[in-house]
Amino acid sequence: MPTDQSSSAAIADRLSDGTLRILVAWDPGNDESGGTEALEFAAWLGRSTPVSVRVASTLLRPWPASLNMMGKKYKKWRKHEAEACAEAVEKALKSVDLPRSQWDKQFSTFSDGQNEAQLLTDEAQRFDADLILVGSNAAASKGRFLAGSTADALMHSSPTALGLAPRAVKLSKKGITRVNFAYIDKRADENSSGLLFAAELAATLEVTLRIITFSPTGLTDAALNKPKGIGSELIDEWNEQSLAMLDLARDRVIEHRDFLEVETEVGSGKGWGNAVDSLKWKKGDILCMDSHPMGTLERVFVGSTANEFLRHVPVPVVIHPYMST
């Protein structure tokens, strides 16, 4: 794949030569964050590649920072919270069967502030994290992801690649068995950082790379029994563009990873739910995708189309920051 100085390229380098540094956002007492899916995601990644996991617990406080340093009560309270979090995190990491060898030396951190997403971003920078993993809101359907307030903020601002864990998702005990990369709009780029990561991950794990795109409008089904017209012409044109895009991406990957098995597929149906469900998904699948372009900023940004798409994806997702060229 092309040389790239983006964070995704750095992750690809670590996949090949070192340990993936994973920051898991998990608050033991936060009902919105649901269960331990983000921790399970980290343990699942650890079955396939070397990882170092740190868990970051955050607390939103309404009072200004200037009041925090007034007296010993705050410091005592903060120490107590940090110790309680560390105890809960240790128990949770054991429950998801993450080996001690994959725990960071400082496996649990606690911070409080007025912006939880910023607290996580700052912790990711201190840890030099390659990925921030977040779980789904507890209100999500089983096997689907629904962003809570903190996850939503990260999906529109994180400079670090972001991993999304669906609620109560069933994961393969063998770890990752197939890597998927999704194009969901017309801005497809065969040199994308997300495709770079997906290809490197598949190559490192020696598994298949599946490159996919979607037709969520349902026009194809609706037009089957109708006379040939402008609607059918537009569908044909879209299909041709999609297939050409997939072929170009496939050729680009094989050009640099000729030993890699690469598949391409198009999912179609009425709405995103049917389009996504038209493809077969495995317990060992992971899905990679790019962010919506945001000027020259290298940030994760999930646009409205991607946000709707993500509600229907039944497997863990990694979203990469947009990298301007």
Protein backbone atom coordinates (compact mmCIF):
# COMPACT_ATOMS: atom_id res chain seq x y z
CA MET A 1 0.00 0.00 0.00
CA PRO A 2 1.18 3.61 -0.47
CA THR A 3 3.50 5.18 2.05
CA ASP A 4 1.49 7.22 4.56
CA GLN A 5 2.38 9.16 7.69
CA SER A 6 -1.15 9.04 9.12
CA SER A 7 -2.11 7.41 12.41
CA SER A 8 -3.52 4.49 10.41
CA ALA A 9 -0.12 3.92 8.83
CA ALA A 10 1.43 3.96 12.30
CA ILE A 11 -1.06 1.31 13.40
CA ALA A 12 -0.19 -0.78 10.36
CA ASP A 13 3.48 -0.54 11.28
CA ARG A 14 2.77 -1.72 14.81
CA LEU A 15 0.72 -4.61 13.51
CA SER A 16 3.75 -5.78 11.56
CA ASP A 17 6.50 -5.05 14.03
CA GLY A 18 5.14 -4.58 17.53
CA THR A 19 2.26 -4.37 19.95
CA LEU A 20 -1.07 -2.67 19.34
CA ARG A 21 -1.73 -0.16 22.13
CA ILE A 22 -5.42 -0.16 23.05
CA LEU A 23 -7.22 2.28 25.34
CA VAL A 24 -10.61 0.98 26.48
CA ALA A 25 -13.20 3.50 27.64
CA TRP A 26 -15.10 1.79 30.43
CA ASP A 27 -16.81 3.15 33.53
CA PRO A 28 -17.80 0.50 36.09
CA GLY A 29 -20.72 2.54 37.42
CA ASN A 30 -22.03 4.08 34.19
CA ASP A 31 -25.29 2.48 33.08
CA GLU A 32 -25.18 4.27 29.71
CA SER A 33 -22.01 2.44 28.71
CA GLY A 34 -23.76 -0.89 29.13
CA GLY A 35 -21.69 -4.00 29.82
CA THR A 36 -18.17 -5.16 29.13
CA GLU A 37 -18.34 -5.29 25.31
CA ALA A 38 -15.45 -2.85 24.83
CA LEU A 39 -13.29 -4.98 27.13
CA GLU A 40 -14.36 -8.11 25.27
CA PHE A 41 -13.41 -6.38 22.00
CA ALA A 42 -9.92 -5.73 23.39
CA ALA A 43 -9.54 -9.34 24.55
CA TRP A 44 -10.78 -10.55 21.16
CA LEU A 45 -8.14 -8.47 19.37
CA GLY A 46 -5.58 -9.91 21.76
CA ARG A 47 -6.35 -13.42 20.53
CA SER A 48 -5.12 -12.42 17.07
CA THR A 49 -2.30 -9.94 17.60
CA PRO A 50 -0.06 -8.70 20.46
CA VAL A 51 -1.80 -5.93 22.43
CA SER A 52 -1.21 -3.74 25.44
CA VAL A 53 -4.48 -2.72 27.09
CA ARG A 54 -5.18 0.21 29.38
CA VAL A 55 -8.67 0.97 30.70
CA ALA A 56 -9.68 4.60 31.17
CA SER A 57 -12.55 5.44 33.52
CA THR A 58 -13.91 8.97 33.50
CA LEU A 59 -16.39 10.97 35.56
CA LEU A 60 -18.25 14.05 34.41
CA ARG A 61 -18.20 16.66 37.17
CA PRO A 62 -20.32 19.82 37.11
CA TRP A 63 -18.10 22.00 39.27
CA PRO A 64 -15.22 24.07 37.81
CA ALA A 65 -11.64 22.87 38.05
CA SER A 66 -10.64 25.75 40.33
CA LEU A 67 -12.71 24.24 43.14
CA ASN A 68 -10.97 20.88 42.90
CA MET A 69 -7.80 22.00 44.58
CA MET A 70 -9.53 23.57 47.60
CA GLY A 71 -8.94 21.25 50.51
CA LYS A 72 -8.03 17.61 51.05
CA LYS A 73 -11.52 16.20 50.63
CA TYR A 74 -11.30 16.28 46.84
CA LYS A 75 -7.92 14.56 46.76
CA LYS A 76 -9.13 11.90 49.16
CA TRP A 77 -12.29 11.36 47.13
CA ARG A 78 -10.32 11.13 43.87
CA LYS A 79 -7.89 8.60 45.32
CA HIS A 80 -10.79 6.50 46.54
CA GLU A 81 -12.46 6.60 43.10
CA ALA A 82 -9.22 5.64 41.33
CA GLU A 83 -8.69 2.68 43.66
CA ALA A 84 -12.30 1.52 43.25
CA CYS A 85 -11.99 1.75 39.46
CA ALA A 86 -8.71 -0.20 39.47
CA GLU A 87 -10.32 -2.96 41.52
CA ALA A 88 -13.33 -3.14 39.18
CA VAL A 89 -11.14 -3.02 36.07
CA GLU A 90 -8.90 -5.83 37.33
CA LYS A 91 -11.93 -8.00 37.97
CA ALA A 92 -13.43 -7.17 34.56
CA LEU A 93 -10.22 -7.87 32.62
CA LYS A 94 -10.01 -11.26 34.27
CA SER A 95 -13.66 -11.95 33.42
CA VAL A 96 -13.02 -11.39 29.69
CA ASP A 97 -9.95 -13.67 29.80
CA LEU A 98 -7.39 -11.06 28.83
CA PRO A 99 -3.99 -12.51 29.82
CA ARG A 100 -1.97 -10.48 32.34
CA SER A 101 0.80 -10.28 29.79
CA GLN A 102 -1.49 -8.09 27.66
CA TRP A 103 -2.32 -5.63 30.44
CA ASP A 104 -0.45 -2.35 30.46
CA LYS A 105 1.63 -1.77 33.59
CA GLN A 106 -0.80 1.04 34.41
CA PHE A 107 -3.86 -0.95 33.38
CA SER A 108 -6.42 1.38 35.00
CA THR A 109 -6.65 5.17 35.03
CA PHE A 110 -9.27 7.50 36.46
CA SER A 111 -9.88 11.12 35.53
CA ASP A 112 -12.65 13.62 36.12
CA GLY A 113 -13.56 16.74 34.21
CA GLN A 114 -16.24 18.60 32.30
CA ASN A 115 -15.72 16.81 28.96
CA GLU A 116 -15.40 13.03 29.05
CA ALA A 117 -14.50 12.73 25.37
CA GLN A 118 -11.61 15.15 25.87
CA LEU A 119 -10.46 13.23 28.96
CA LEU A 120 -10.30 10.05 26.87
CA THR A 121 -8.52 11.84 24.03
CA ASP A 122 -5.92 13.18 26.46
CA GLU A 123 -5.42 9.74 28.01
CA ALA A 124 -5.02 8.20 24.55
CA GLN A 125 -2.28 10.70 23.79
CA ARG A 126 -0.49 9.99 27.08
CA PHE A 127 -0.68 6.26 26.38
CA ASP A 128 0.29 6.71 22.73
CA ALA A 129 -2.76 4.60 21.92
CA ASP A 130 -3.39 3.18 18.47
CA LEU A 131 -7.08 2.56 19.18
CA ILE A 132 -9.74 3.83 21.55
CA LEU A 133 -12.46 1.23 22.11
CA VAL A 134 -15.96 2.19 23.21
CA GLY A 135 -19.01 0.08 23.96
CA SER A 136 -22.58 0.58 22.84
CA ASN A 137 -25.32 2.35 24.70
CA ALA A 138 -27.26 -0.20 26.75
CA ALA A 139 -30.43 0.69 24.82
CA ALA A 140 -29.07 -0.82 21.58
CA SER A 141 -30.50 -4.01 20.14
CA LYS A 142 -28.38 -7.12 20.69
CA GLY A 143 -25.58 -7.32 18.18
CA ARG A 144 -25.90 -3.66 17.19
CA PHE A 145 -24.13 -0.43 18.14
CA LEU A 146 -25.83 2.70 19.45
CA ALA A 147 -23.62 5.59 20.48
CA GLY A 148 -23.94 7.14 23.92
CA SER A 149 -23.05 10.79 24.45
CA THR A 150 -19.32 10.23 24.99
CA ALA A 151 -18.99 7.77 22.10
CA ASP A 152 -20.90 10.18 19.85
CA ALA A 153 -18.51 13.00 20.74
CA LEU A 154 -15.50 10.80 19.95
CA MET A 155 -17.11 9.81 16.64
CA HIS A 156 -16.93 13.48 15.67
CA SER A 157 -13.58 14.51 17.12
CA SER A 158 -11.12 11.74 18.01
CA PRO A 159 -7.61 12.11 16.55
CA THR A 160 -7.08 8.42 17.39
CA ALA A 161 -8.69 5.55 15.48
CA LEU A 162 -11.92 4.52 17.17
CA GLY A 163 -13.25 1.00 17.75
CA LEU A 164 -16.98 0.40 18.28
CA ALA A 165 -18.23 -2.71 20.09
CA PRO A 166 -21.86 -3.74 19.43
CA ARG A 167 -23.99 -4.68 22.43
CA ALA A 168 -23.87 -8.36 23.41
CA VAL A 169 -22.05 -9.22 20.19
CA LYS A 170 -20.92 -12.83 19.76
CA LEU A 171 -17.23 -13.05 18.86
CA SER A 172 -15.22 -15.96 17.52
CA LYS A 173 -13.04 -17.70 20.09
CA LYS A 174 -10.38 -17.86 17.36
CA GLY A 175 -10.13 -14.08 17.15
CA ILE A 176 -10.32 -12.27 13.82
CA THR A 177 -10.97 -14.66 10.93
CA ARG A 178 -11.81 -12.11 8.22
CA VAL A 179 -11.17 -8.39 7.73
CA ASN A 180 -13.77 -6.25 5.96
CA PHE A 181 -13.38 -2.76 4.53
CA ALA A 182 -16.51 -0.78 3.64
CA TYR A 183 -17.08 1.97 1.09
CA ILE A 184 -20.40 3.62 1.87
CA ASP A 185 -20.42 6.65 -0.41
CA LYS A 186 -19.01 7.98 -3.68
CA ARG A 187 -15.84 9.45 -2.17
CA ALA A 188 -14.08 6.11 -2.38
CA ASP A 189 -10.29 6.28 -2.47
CA GLU A 190 -8.22 3.20 -3.20
CA ASN A 191 -5.34 4.87 -1.30
CA SER A 192 -7.40 5.42 1.87
CA SER A 193 -5.83 5.01 5.30
CA GLY A 194 -8.63 2.68 6.35
CA LEU A 195 -7.96 0.38 3.42
CA LEU A 196 -4.26 0.49 4.27
CA PHE A 197 -4.99 -0.68 7.81
CA ALA A 198 -7.46 -3.35 6.69
CA ALA A 199 -5.01 -4.77 4.16
CA GLU A 200 -2.13 -4.78 6.65
CA LEU A 201 -4.29 -6.40 9.32
CA ALA A 202 -5.47 -9.13 6.94
CA ALA A 203 -1.91 -9.71 5.74
CA THR A 204 -0.52 -9.89 9.28
CA LEU A 205 -3.20 -12.33 10.42
CA GLU A 206 -3.14 -14.27 7.13
CA VAL A 207 -6.90 -14.01 6.69
CA THR A 208 -9.15 -12.92 3.82
CA LEU A 209 -9.78 -9.24 3.10
CA ARG A 210 -13.33 -8.51 1.92
CA ILE A 211 -13.92 -5.09 0.31
CA ILE A 212 -17.60 -4.17 0.29
CA THR A 213 -19.95 -1.41 -0.80
CA PHE A 214 -23.70 -0.99 -0.54
CA SER A 215 -26.87 -0.04 -2.39
CA PRO A 216 -29.28 0.83 0.43
CA THR A 217 -31.94 2.56 -1.65
CA GLY A 218 -33.98 -0.49 -2.68
CA LEU A 219 -34.32 0.87 -6.22
CA THR A 220 -32.89 -2.33 -7.67
CA ASP A 221 -35.70 -4.46 -6.27
CA ALA A 222 -38.37 -1.90 -7.09
CA ALA A 223 -37.31 -1.65 -10.73
CA LEU A 224 -37.23 -5.37 -11.55
CA ASN A 225 -40.73 -5.54 -13.02
CA LYS A 226 -40.86 -2.05 -14.51
CA PRO A 227 -40.05 -0.86 -18.04
CA LYS A 228 -36.51 0.21 -18.75
CA GLY A 229 -36.28 3.92 -17.94
CA ILE A 230 -34.26 6.61 -16.27
CA GLY A 231 -34.43 4.82 -12.90
CA SER A 232 -32.97 1.64 -14.35
CA GLU A 233 -30.29 3.61 -16.16
CA LEU A 234 -29.24 5.29 -12.93
CA ILE A 235 -29.13 1.92 -11.17
CA ASP A 236 -27.00 0.44 -13.94
CA GLU A 237 -24.65 3.40 -13.80
CA TRP A 238 -24.35 3.13 -10.01
CA ASN A 239 -23.67 -0.60 -10.23
CA GLU A 240 -20.97 -0.05 -12.85
CA GLN A 241 -19.31 2.62 -10.71
CA SER A 242 -19.47 0.42 -7.62
CA LEU A 243 -17.94 -2.59 -9.35
CA ALA A 244 -15.23 -0.44 -10.91
CA MET A 245 -14.45 1.06 -7.50
CA LEU A 246 -14.18 -2.38 -5.91
CA ASP A 247 -11.98 -3.67 -8.72
CA LEU A 248 -9.66 -0.67 -8.39
CA ALA A 249 -9.37 -1.12 -4.63
CA ARG A 250 -8.75 -4.85 -5.04
CA ASP A 251 -6.04 -4.26 -7.64
CA ARG A 252 -4.41 -1.65 -5.43
CA VAL A 253 -4.23 -4.04 -2.49
CA ILE A 254 -2.93 -6.96 -4.55
CA GLU A 255 -0.30 -4.70 -6.14
CA HIS A 256 1.38 -4.43 -2.74
CA ARG A 257 0.12 -7.63 -1.07
CA ASP A 258 -0.02 -10.13 -3.92
CA PHE A 259 -0.26 -13.08 -1.51
CA LEU A 260 -3.43 -11.72 0.10
CA GLU A 261 -6.80 -13.28 -0.68
CA VAL A 262 -9.15 -10.41 -1.57
CA GLU A 263 -12.91 -10.68 -2.12
CA THR A 264 -15.38 -7.99 -3.22
CA GLU A 265 -19.13 -7.82 -2.62
CA VAL A 266 -22.05 -5.42 -2.98
CA GLY A 267 -24.84 -5.43 -0.40
CA SER A 268 -28.24 -4.24 -1.62
CA GLY A 269 -31.70 -3.87 -0.18
CA LYS A 270 -34.35 -1.43 0.97
CA GLY A 271 -32.63 0.74 3.55
CA TRP A 272 -29.33 0.23 5.32
CA GLY A 273 -30.62 -2.61 7.47
CA ASN A 274 -31.56 -4.80 4.51
CA ALA A 275 -28.45 -3.81 2.56
CA VAL A 276 -26.17 -4.82 5.44
CA ASP A 277 -28.13 -8.00 6.17
CA SER A 278 -27.91 -9.06 2.51
CA LEU A 279 -24.25 -9.92 3.14
CA LYS A 280 -23.13 -12.90 5.21
CA TRP A 281 -21.33 -12.01 8.42
CA LYS A 282 -19.17 -14.23 10.62
CA LYS A 283 -18.34 -14.16 14.34
CA GLY A 284 -14.72 -13.58 13.34
CA ASP A 285 -15.45 -10.51 11.19
CA ILE A 286 -14.10 -7.03 11.87
CA LEU A 287 -15.12 -4.04 9.75
CA CYS A 288 -12.84 -1.11 8.92
CA MET A 289 -13.94 2.19 7.41
CA ASP A 290 -12.76 5.74 6.80
CA SER A 291 -13.97 9.00 8.27
CA HIS A 292 -15.83 11.74 6.44
CA PRO A 293 -13.35 14.40 5.20
CA MET A 294 -12.99 17.38 7.56
CA GLY A 295 -10.65 19.87 5.90
CA THR A 296 -7.02 19.30 6.85
CA LEU A 297 -7.76 17.94 10.34
CA GLU A 298 -6.80 14.33 10.99
CA ARG A 299 -9.84 13.39 13.01
CA VAL A 300 -12.48 10.70 13.19
CA PHE A 301 -15.70 12.16 11.83
CA VAL A 302 -18.81 10.09 11.22
CA GLY A 303 -21.24 11.79 8.85
CA SER A 304 -24.99 11.23 8.78
CA THR A 305 -24.79 8.44 6.18
CA ALA A 306 -22.12 6.52 8.08
CA ASN A 307 -23.96 7.06 11.36
CA GLU A 308 -27.10 5.45 9.95
CA PHE A 309 -25.04 2.62 8.44
CA LEU A 310 -23.30 1.86 11.74
CA ARG A 311 -26.60 1.25 13.52
CA HIS A 312 -27.04 -1.91 11.44
CA VAL A 313 -23.51 -3.38 11.44
CA PRO A 314 -23.44 -6.67 13.42
CA VAL A 315 -19.66 -6.85 13.98
CA PRO A 316 -16.95 -4.77 15.70
CA VAL A 317 -15.91 -1.68 13.73
CA VAL A 318 -12.71 0.37 13.50
CA ILE A 319 -13.06 3.93 12.14
CA HIS A 320 -9.93 5.71 11.00
CA PRO A 321 -9.23 9.43 11.15
CA TYR A 322 -9.47 11.25 7.84
CA MET A 323 -6.07 12.03 6.35
CA SER A 324 -5.85 14.88 3.85
CA THR A 325 -3.59 14.37 0.86
